[in-house]
PDB file of N, CA and C in Angstrom:
ATOM      1  N   MET A   1      21.235   8.781 -62.914  1.00  0.00           N
ATOM      2  CA  MET A   1      22.018   9.784 -63.612  1.00  0.00           C
ATOM      3  C   MET A   1      23.441   9.287 -63.852  1.00  0.00           C
ATOM      4  N   MET A   2      24.023   8.667 -62.833  1.00  0.00           N
ATOM      5  CA  MET A   2      25.385   8.178 -62.948  1.00  0.00           C
ATOM      6  C   MET A   2      25.474   7.039 -63.961  1.00  0.00           C
ATOM      7  N   LEU A   3      24.482   6.165 -63.990  1.00  0.00           N
ATOM      8  CA  LEU A   3      24.461   5.042 -64.914  1.00  0.00           C
ATOM      9  C   LEU A   3      24.383   5.527 -66.358  1.00  0.00           C
ATOM     10  N   ALA A   4      23.574   6.553 -66.613  1.00  0.00           N
ATOM     11  CA  ALA A   4      23.451   7.095 -67.966  1.00  0.00           C
ATOM     12  C   ALA A   4      24.783   7.668 -68.446  1.00  0.00           C
ATOM     13  N   THR A   5      25.492   8.338 -67.558  1.00  0.00           N
ATOM     14  CA  THR A   5      26.795   8.899 -67.915  1.00  0.00           C
ATOM     15  C   THR A   5      27.790   7.790 -68.262  1.00  0.00           C
ATOM     16  N   ILE A   6      27.804   6.735 -67.483  1.00  0.00           N
ATOM     17  CA  ILE A   6      28.719   5.620 -67.727  1.00  0.00           C
ATOM     18  C   ILE A   6      28.383   4.934 -69.051  1.00  0.00           C
ATOM     19  N   LEU A   7      27.092   4.739 -69.322  1.00  0.00           N
ATOM     20  CA  LEU A   7      26.688   4.096 -70.573  1.00  0.00           C
ATOM     21  C   LEU A   7      27.043   4.954 -71.784  1.00  0.00           C
ATOM     22  N   LEU A   8      26.871   6.255 -71.677  1.00  0.00           N
ATOM     23  CA  LEU A   8      27.233   7.140 -72.790  1.00  0.00           C
ATOM     24  C   LEU A   8      28.730   7.123 -73.052  1.00  0.00           C
ATOM     25  N   GLN A   9      29.537   7.098 -72.000  1.00  0.00           N
ATOM     26  CA  GLN A   9      30.985   7.047 -72.171  1.00  0.00           C
ATOM     27  C   GLN A   9      31.410   5.727 -72.798  1.00  0.00           C
ATOM     28  N   ALA A  10      30.786   4.635 -72.390  1.00  0.00           N
ATOM     29  CA  ALA A  10      31.114   3.316 -72.956  1.00  0.00           C
ATOM     30  C   ALA A  10      30.746   3.262 -74.436  1.00  0.00           C
ATOM     31  N   ALA A  11      29.603   3.823 -74.793  1.00  0.00           N
ATOM     32  CA  ALA A  11      29.179   3.821 -76.199  1.00  0.00           C
ATOM     33  C   ALA A  11      30.121   4.669 -77.046  1.00  0.00           C
ATOM     34  N   ALA A  12      30.534   5.797 -76.527  1.00  0.00           N
ATOM     35  CA  ALA A  12      31.446   6.674 -77.274  1.00  0.00           C
ATOM     36  C   ALA A  12      32.801   6.012 -77.463  1.00  0.00           C
ATOM     37  N   SER A  13      33.307   5.346 -76.438  1.00  0.00           N
ATOM     38  CA  SER A  13      34.614   4.708 -76.567  1.00  0.00           C
ATOM     39  C   SER A  13      34.545   3.522 -77.515  1.00  0.00           C
ATOM     40  N   ALA A  14      33.409   2.823 -77.575  1.00  0.00           N
ATOM     41  CA  ALA A  14      33.268   1.709 -78.512  1.00  0.00           C
ATOM     42  C   ALA A  14      33.315   2.210 -79.946  1.00  0.00           C
ATOM     43  N   VAL A  15      32.694   3.339 -80.200  1.00  0.00           N
ATOM     44  CA  VAL A  15      32.722   3.907 -81.552  1.00  0.00           C
ATOM     45  C   VAL A  15      34.137   4.325 -81.922  1.00  0.00           C
ATOM     46  N   PHE A  16      34.834   4.983 -81.000  1.00  0.00           N
ATOM     47  CA  PHE A  16      36.211   5.390 -81.286  1.00  0.00           C
ATOM     48  C   PHE A  16      37.121   4.181 -81.426  1.00  0.00           C
ATOM     49  N   GLY A  17      36.867   3.139 -80.655  1.00  0.00           N
ATOM     50  CA  GLY A  17      37.667   1.918 -80.753  1.00  0.00           C
ATOM     51  C   GLY A  17      37.502   1.257 -82.105  1.00  0.00           C
ATOM     52  N   LYS A  18      36.264   1.216 -82.602  1.00  0.00           N
ATOM     53  CA  LYS A  18      36.023   0.626 -83.920  1.00  0.00           C
ATOM     54  C   LYS A  18      36.645   1.462 -85.026  1.00  0.00           C
ATOM     55  N   ALA A  19      36.551   2.779 -84.899  1.00  0.00           N
ATOM     56  CA  ALA A  19      37.151   3.655 -85.909  1.00  0.00           C
ATOM     57  C   ALA A  19      38.675   3.521 -85.902  1.00  0.00           C
ATOM     58  N   ALA A  20      39.253   3.442 -84.714  1.00  0.00           N
ATOM     59  CA  ALA A  20      40.707   3.294 -84.620  1.00  0.00           C
ATOM     60  C   ALA A  20      41.155   1.946 -85.173  1.00  0.00           C
ATOM     61  N   ALA A  21      40.391   0.898 -84.918  1.00  0.00           N
ATOM     62  CA  ALA A  21      40.742  -0.422 -85.443  1.00  0.00           C
ATOM     63  C   ALA A  21      40.636  -0.445 -86.969  1.00  0.00           C
ATOM     64  N   ALA A  22      39.615   0.193 -87.514  1.00  0.00           N
ATOM     65  CA  ALA A  22      39.476   0.260 -88.968  1.00  0.00           C
ATOM     66  C   ALA A  22      40.624   1.050 -89.588  1.00  0.00           C
ATOM     67  N   LEU A  23      41.008   2.132 -88.942  1.00  0.00           N
ATOM     68  CA  LEU A  23      42.143   2.921 -89.424  1.00  0.00           C
ATOM     69  C   LEU A  23      43.435   2.111 -89.335  1.00  0.00           C
ATOM     70  N   GLY A  24      43.598   1.356 -88.256  1.00  0.00           N
ATOM     71  CA  GLY A  24      44.776   0.513 -88.116  1.00  0.00           C
ATOM     72  C   GLY A  24      44.842  -0.556 -89.189  1.00  0.00           C
ATOM     73  N   ALA A  25      43.706  -1.173 -89.526  1.00  0.00           N
ATOM     74  CA  ALA A  25      43.672  -2.179 -90.589  1.00  0.00           C
ATOM     75  C   ALA A  25      44.037  -1.555 -91.935  1.00  0.00           C
ATOM     76  N   ALA A  26      43.532  -0.352 -92.189  1.00  0.00           N
ATOM     77  CA  ALA A  26      43.850   0.325 -93.446  1.00  0.00           C
ATOM     78  C   ALA A  26      45.332   0.663 -93.533  1.00  0.00           C
ATOM     79  N   ILE A  27      45.898   1.144 -92.440  1.00  0.00           N
ATOM     80  CA  ILE A  27      47.330   1.479 -92.432  1.00  0.00           C
ATOM     81  C   ILE A  27      48.173   0.221 -92.622  1.00  0.00           C
ATOM     82  N   ALA A  28      47.772  -0.884 -91.989  1.00  0.00           N
ATOM     83  CA  ALA A  28      48.515  -2.136 -92.141  1.00  0.00           C
ATOM     84  C   ALA A  28      48.473  -2.617 -93.584  1.00  0.00           C
ATOM     85  N   ALA A  29      47.317  -2.514 -94.226  1.00  0.00           N
ATOM     86  CA  ALA A  29      47.205  -2.941 -95.623  1.00  0.00           C
ATOM     87  C   ALA A  29      48.061  -2.068 -96.536  1.00  0.00           C
ATOM     88  N   LEU A  30      48.024  -0.762 -96.308  1.00  0.00           N
ATOM     89  CA  LEU A  30      48.836   0.137 -97.132  1.00  0.00           C
ATOM     90  C   LEU A  30      50.330  -0.067 -96.901  1.00  0.00           C
ATOM     91  N   ALA A  31      50.723  -0.282 -95.655  1.00  0.00           N
ATOM     92  CA  ALA A  31      52.135  -0.498 -95.352  1.00  0.00           C
ATOM     93  C   ALA A  31      52.623  -1.801 -95.975  1.00  0.00           C
ATOM     94  N   GLY A  32      51.798  -2.850 -95.928  1.00  0.00           N
ATOM     95  CA  GLY A  32      52.168  -4.109 -96.557  1.00  0.00           C
ATOM     96  C   GLY A  32      52.324  -3.962 -98.064  1.00  0.00           C
ATOM     97  N   ALA A  33      51.400  -3.253 -98.689  1.00  0.00           N
ATOM     98  CA  ALA A  33      51.477  -3.033-100.137  1.00  0.00           C
ATOM     99  C   ALA A  33      52.713  -2.220-100.500  1.00  0.00           C
ATOM    100  N   PHE A  34      53.006  -1.208 -99.704  1.00  0.00           N
ATOM    101  CA  PHE A  34      54.193  -0.385 -99.954  1.00  0.00           C
ATOM    102  C   PHE A  34      55.470  -1.211 -99.806  1.00  0.00           C
ATOM    103  N   GLY A  35      55.526  -2.047 -98.766  1.00  0.00           N
ATOM    104  CA  GLY A  35      56.705  -2.878 -98.533  1.00  0.00           C
ATOM    105  C   GLY A  35      56.931  -3.875 -99.645  1.00  0.00           C
ATOM    106  N   ILE A  36      55.868  -4.541-100.085  1.00  0.00           N
ATOM    107  CA  ILE A  36      56.006  -5.514-101.171  1.00  0.00           C
ATOM    108  C   ILE A  36      56.388  -4.813-102.471  1.00  0.00           C
ATOM    109  N   GLY A  37      55.868  -3.617-102.689  1.00  0.00           N
ATOM    110  CA  GLY A  37      56.249  -2.848-103.874  1.00  0.00           C
ATOM    111  C   GLY A  37      57.723  -2.495-103.877  1.00  0.00           C
ATOM    112  N   LYS A  38      58.239  -2.100-102.712  1.00  0.00           N
ATOM    113  CA  LYS A  38      59.669  -1.776-102.628  1.00  0.00           C
ATOM    114  C   LYS A  38      60.536  -3.018-102.837  1.00  0.00           C
ATOM    115  N   ILE A  39      60.080  -4.153-102.315  1.00  0.00           N
ATOM    116  CA  ILE A  39      60.827  -5.398-102.513  1.00  0.00           C
ATOM    117  C   ILE A  39      60.878  -5.741-104.004  1.00  0.00           C
ATOM    118  N   GLY A  40      59.739  -5.645-104.675  1.00  0.00           N
ATOM    119  CA  GLY A  40      59.697  -5.929-106.112  1.00  0.00           C
ATOM    120  C   GLY A  40      60.557  -4.980-106.916  1.00  0.00           C
ATOM    121  N   LYS A  41      60.502  -3.710-106.575  1.00  0.00           N
ATOM    122  CA  LYS A  41      61.301  -2.711-107.291  1.00  0.00           C
ATOM    123  C   LYS A  41      62.790  -2.994-107.135  1.00  0.00           C
ATOM    124  N   SER A  42      63.210  -3.258-105.918  1.00  0.00           N
ATOM    125  CA  SER A  42      64.627  -3.513-105.671  1.00  0.00           C
ATOM    126  C   SER A  42      65.095  -4.786-106.365  1.00  0.00           C
ATOM    127  N   THR A  43      64.239  -5.796-106.381  1.00  0.00           N
ATOM    128  CA  THR A  43      64.610  -7.046-107.047  1.00  0.00           C
ATOM    129  C   THR A  43      64.737  -6.836-108.551  1.00  0.00           C
ATOM    130  N   MET A  44      63.826  -6.102-109.134  1.00  0.00           N
ATOM    131  CA  MET A  44      63.913  -5.849-110.579  1.00  0.00           C
ATOM    132  C   MET A  44      65.165  -5.051-110.938  1.00  0.00           C
ATOM    133  N   GLU A  45      65.529  -4.101-110.085  1.00  0.00           N
ATOM    134  CA  GLU A  45      66.755  -3.345-110.329  1.00  0.00           C
ATOM    135  C   GLU A  45      67.986  -4.240-110.220  1.00  0.00           C
ATOM    136  N   ALA A  46      67.968  -5.151-109.241  1.00  0.00           N
ATOM    137  CA  ALA A  46      69.098  -6.062-109.075  1.00  0.00           C
ATOM    138  C   ALA A  46      69.191  -7.035-110.245  1.00  0.00           C
ATOM    139  N   ILE A  47      68.055  -7.498-110.737  1.00  0.00           N
ATOM    140  CA  ILE A  47      68.066  -8.404-111.893  1.00  0.00           C
ATOM    141  C   ILE A  47      68.553  -7.667-113.133  1.00  0.00           C
ATOM    142  N   ALA A  48      68.220  -6.390-113.259  1.00  0.00           N
ATOM    143  CA  ALA A  48      68.697  -5.614-114.404  1.00  0.00           C
ATOM    144  C   ALA A  48      70.222  -5.455-114.364  1.00  0.00           C
ATOM    145  N   ARG A  49      70.788  -5.375-113.149  1.00  0.00           N
ATOM    146  CA  ARG A  49      72.241  -5.254-113.027  1.00  0.00           C
ATOM    147  C   ARG A  49      72.956  -6.583-113.255  1.00  0.00           C
ATOM    148  N   GLN A  50      72.374  -7.672-112.722  1.00  0.00           N
ATOM    149  CA  GLN A  50      72.990  -8.995-112.845  1.00  0.00           C
ATOM    150  C   GLN A  50      71.934 -10.012-113.255  1.00  0.00           C
ATOM    151  N   PRO A  51      71.691 -10.140-114.541  1.00  0.00           N
ATOM    152  CA  PRO A  51      70.637 -11.053-115.004  1.00  0.00           C
ATOM    153  C   PRO A  51      70.906 -12.523-114.669  1.00  0.00           C
ATOM    154  N   GLU A  52      72.164 -12.900-114.500  1.00  0.00           N
ATOM    155  CA  GLU A  52      72.476 -14.304-114.222  1.00  0.00           C
ATOM    156  C   GLU A  52      72.047 -14.740-112.820  1.00  0.00           C
ATOM    157  N   SER A  53      71.804 -13.815-111.923  1.00  0.00           N
ATOM    158  CA  SER A  53      71.384 -14.170-110.564  1.00  0.00           C
ATOM    159  C   SER A  53      69.873 -14.001-110.359  1.00  0.00           C
ATOM    160  N   ALA A  54      69.121 -14.013-111.449  1.00  0.00           N
ATOM    161  CA  ALA A  54      67.678 -13.768-111.363  1.00  0.00           C
ATOM    162  C   ALA A  54      66.969 -14.828-110.532  1.00  0.00           C
ATOM    163  N   GLY A  55      67.358 -16.079-110.656  1.00  0.00           N
ATOM    164  CA  GLY A  55      66.688 -17.146-109.912  1.00  0.00           C
ATOM    165  C   GLY A  55      66.831 -16.987-108.412  1.00  0.00           C
ATOM    166  N   ASN A  56      68.050 -16.710-107.954  1.00  0.00           N
ATOM    167  CA  ASN A  56      68.279 -16.519-106.523  1.00  0.00           C
ATOM    168  C   ASN A  56      67.557 -15.281-106.001  1.00  0.00           C
ATOM    169  N   LEU A  57      67.585 -14.222-106.788  1.00  0.00           N
ATOM    170  CA  LEU A  57      66.921 -12.984-106.368  1.00  0.00           C
ATOM    171  C   LEU A  57      65.410 -13.170-106.301  1.00  0.00           C
ATOM    172  N   ARG A  58      64.852 -13.882-107.269  1.00  0.00           N
ATOM    173  CA  ARG A  58      63.411 -14.106-107.287  1.00  0.00           C
ATOM    174  C   ARG A  58      62.971 -14.913-106.058  1.00  0.00           C
ATOM    175  N   THR A  59      63.769 -15.922-105.710  1.00  0.00           N
ATOM    176  CA  THR A  59      63.448 -16.722-104.527  1.00  0.00           C
ATOM    177  C   THR A  59      63.481 -15.869-103.265  1.00  0.00           C
ATOM    178  N   SER A  60      64.508 -15.055-103.132  1.00  0.00           N
ATOM    179  CA  SER A  60      64.611 -14.175-101.967  1.00  0.00           C
ATOM    180  C   SER A  60      63.468 -13.170-101.928  1.00  0.00           C
ATOM    181  N   MET A  61      63.078 -12.678-103.102  1.00  0.00           N
ATOM    182  CA  MET A  61      61.986 -11.717-103.168  1.00  0.00           C
ATOM    183  C   MET A  61      60.684 -12.356-102.705  1.00  0.00           C
ATOM    184  N   ILE A  62      60.412 -13.570-103.149  1.00  0.00           N
ATOM    185  CA  ILE A  62      59.162 -14.235-102.779  1.00  0.00           C
ATOM    186  C   ILE A  62      59.123 -14.501-101.284  1.00  0.00           C
ATOM    187  N   ILE A  63      60.239 -14.914-100.700  1.00  0.00           N
ATOM    188  CA  ILE A  63      60.281 -15.164 -99.260  1.00  0.00           C
ATOM    189  C   ILE A  63      60.067 -13.868 -98.480  1.00  0.00           C
ATOM    190  N   ALA A  64      60.757 -12.800 -98.882  1.00  0.00           N
ATOM    191  CA  ALA A  64      60.616 -11.521 -98.174  1.00  0.00           C
ATOM    192  C   ALA A  64      59.202 -10.960 -98.325  1.00  0.00           C
ATOM    193  N   ALA A  65      58.632 -11.067 -99.519  1.00  0.00           N
ATOM    194  CA  ALA A  65      57.275 -10.567 -99.735  1.00  0.00           C
ATOM    195  C   ALA A  65      56.269 -11.361 -98.906  1.00  0.00           C
ATOM    196  N   GLY A  66      56.482 -12.660 -98.789  1.00  0.00           N
ATOM    197  CA  GLY A  66      55.602 -13.477 -97.957  1.00  0.00           C
ATOM    198  C   GLY A  66      55.671 -13.089 -96.498  1.00  0.00           C
ATOM    199  N   MET A  67      56.862 -12.761 -96.026  1.00  0.00           N
ATOM    200  CA  MET A  67      56.998 -12.340 -94.625  1.00  0.00           C
ATOM    201  C   MET A  67      56.311 -11.002 -94.382  1.00  0.00           C
ATOM    202  N   VAL A  68      56.458 -10.076 -95.314  1.00  0.00           N
ATOM    203  CA  VAL A  68      55.791  -8.771 -95.173  1.00  0.00           C
ATOM    204  C   VAL A  68      54.282  -8.945 -95.227  1.00  0.00           C
ATOM    205  N   GLU A  69      53.820  -9.774 -96.157  1.00  0.00           N
ATOM    206  CA  GLU A  69      52.384  -9.996 -96.280  1.00  0.00           C
ATOM    207  C   GLU A  69      51.829 -10.682 -95.033  1.00  0.00           C
ATOM    208  N   GLY A  70      52.588 -11.601 -94.467  1.00  0.00           N
ATOM    209  CA  GLY A  70      52.154 -12.263 -93.238  1.00  0.00           C
ATOM    210  C   GLY A  70      52.029 -11.294 -92.079  1.00  0.00           C
ATOM    211  N   ALA A  71      52.990 -10.398 -91.945  1.00  0.00           N
ATOM    212  CA  ALA A  71      52.930  -9.405 -90.873  1.00  0.00           C
ATOM    213  C   ALA A  71      51.747  -8.460 -91.063  1.00  0.00           C
ATOM    214  N   ALA A  72      51.506  -8.044 -92.311  1.00  0.00           N
ATOM    215  CA  ALA A  72      50.370  -7.154 -92.584  1.00  0.00           C
ATOM    216  C   ALA A  72      49.050  -7.873 -92.331  1.00  0.00           C
ATOM    217  N   LEU A  73      48.958  -9.130 -92.726  1.00  0.00           N
ATOM    218  CA  LEU A  73      47.738  -9.891 -92.492  1.00  0.00           C
ATOM    219  C   LEU A  73      47.487 -10.081 -91.003  1.00  0.00           C
ATOM    220  N   PHE A  74      48.538 -10.339 -90.248  1.00  0.00           N
ATOM    221  CA  PHE A  74      48.410 -10.474 -88.795  1.00  0.00           C
ATOM    222  C   PHE A  74      47.877  -9.178 -88.186  1.00  0.00           C
ATOM    223  N   ALA A  75      48.404  -8.034 -88.625  1.00  0.00           N
ATOM    224  CA  ALA A  75      47.944  -6.745 -88.102  1.00  0.00           C
ATOM    225  C   ALA A  75      46.486  -6.486 -88.462  1.00  0.00           C
ATOM    226  N   ILE A  76      46.081  -6.860 -89.665  1.00  0.00           N
ATOM    227  CA  ILE A  76      44.692  -6.666 -90.077  1.00  0.00           C
ATOM    228  C   ILE A  76      43.758  -7.551 -89.255  1.00  0.00           C
ATOM    229  N   ILE A  77      44.168  -8.790 -89.009  1.00  0.00           N
ATOM    230  CA  ILE A  77      43.333  -9.695 -88.219  1.00  0.00           C
ATOM    231  C   ILE A  77      43.186  -9.180 -86.787  1.00  0.00           C
ATOM    232  N   VAL A  78      44.268  -8.674 -86.209  1.00  0.00           N
ATOM    233  CA  VAL A  78      44.184  -8.118 -84.858  1.00  0.00           C
ATOM    234  C   VAL A  78      43.230  -6.925 -84.831  1.00  0.00           C
ATOM    235  N   ALA A  79      43.307  -6.061 -85.831  1.00  0.00           N
ATOM    236  CA  ALA A  79      42.416  -4.901 -85.885  1.00  0.00           C
ATOM    237  C   ALA A  79      40.955  -5.341 -86.045  1.00  0.00           C
ATOM    238  N   LEU A  80      40.714  -6.358 -86.856  1.00  0.00           N
ATOM    239  CA  LEU A  80      39.352  -6.823 -87.035  1.00  0.00           C
ATOM    240  C   LEU A  80      38.825  -7.503 -85.770  1.00  0.00           C
ATOM    241  N   LEU A  81      39.681  -8.175 -85.037  1.00  0.00           N
ATOM    242  CA  LEU A  81      39.259  -8.755 -83.763  1.00  0.00           C
ATOM    243  C   LEU A  81      38.877  -7.669 -82.765  1.00  0.00           C
ATOM    244  N   VAL A  82      39.579  -6.545 -82.811  1.00  0.00           N
ATOM    245  CA  VAL A  82      39.228  -5.428 -81.935  1.00  0.00           C
ATOM    246  C   VAL A  82      37.845  -4.898 -82.306  1.00  0.00           C
ATOM    247  N   VAL A  83      37.560  -4.817 -83.601  1.00  0.00           N
ATOM    248  CA  VAL A  83      36.254  -4.337 -84.040  1.00  0.00           C
ATOM    249  C   VAL A  83      35.154  -5.291 -83.577  1.00  0.00           C
ATOM    250  N   LEU A  84      35.395  -6.587 -83.702  1.00  0.00           N
ATOM    251  CA  LEU A  84      34.356  -7.561 -83.346  1.00  0.00           C
ATOM    252  C   LEU A  84      34.142  -7.659 -81.828  1.00  0.00           C
ATOM    253  N   ASN A  85      35.179  -7.400 -81.046  1.00  0.00           N
ATOM    254  CA  ASN A  85      35.063  -7.537 -79.597  1.00  0.00           C
ATOM    255  C   ASN A  85      34.677  -6.250 -78.884  1.00  0.00           C
ATOM    256  N   SER A  86      34.612  -5.146 -79.598  1.00  0.00           N
ATOM    257  CA  SER A  86      34.248  -3.905 -78.912  1.00  0.00           C
ATOM    258  C   SER A  86      32.790  -3.561 -79.123  1.00  0.00           C
TER     259      SER A  86
END
């Protein structure tokens, strides 16, 4: 009787763990997309104000977007590892 209870609790927590990891991956992807969108928007506004600095702004935008994308990708990989290990 005790073993059945423990197995049922373990199965339930594995399902919740997978659901939470999937939700975390989705939130990370959405947050990364939102962050890169804000970076692009701000850069375009800055280029509209000062067109002569477009090259420097574009370089900064690409670096910042890469950092945001890297952080989001790292979060997604961690969430997927949780799904595979649970």
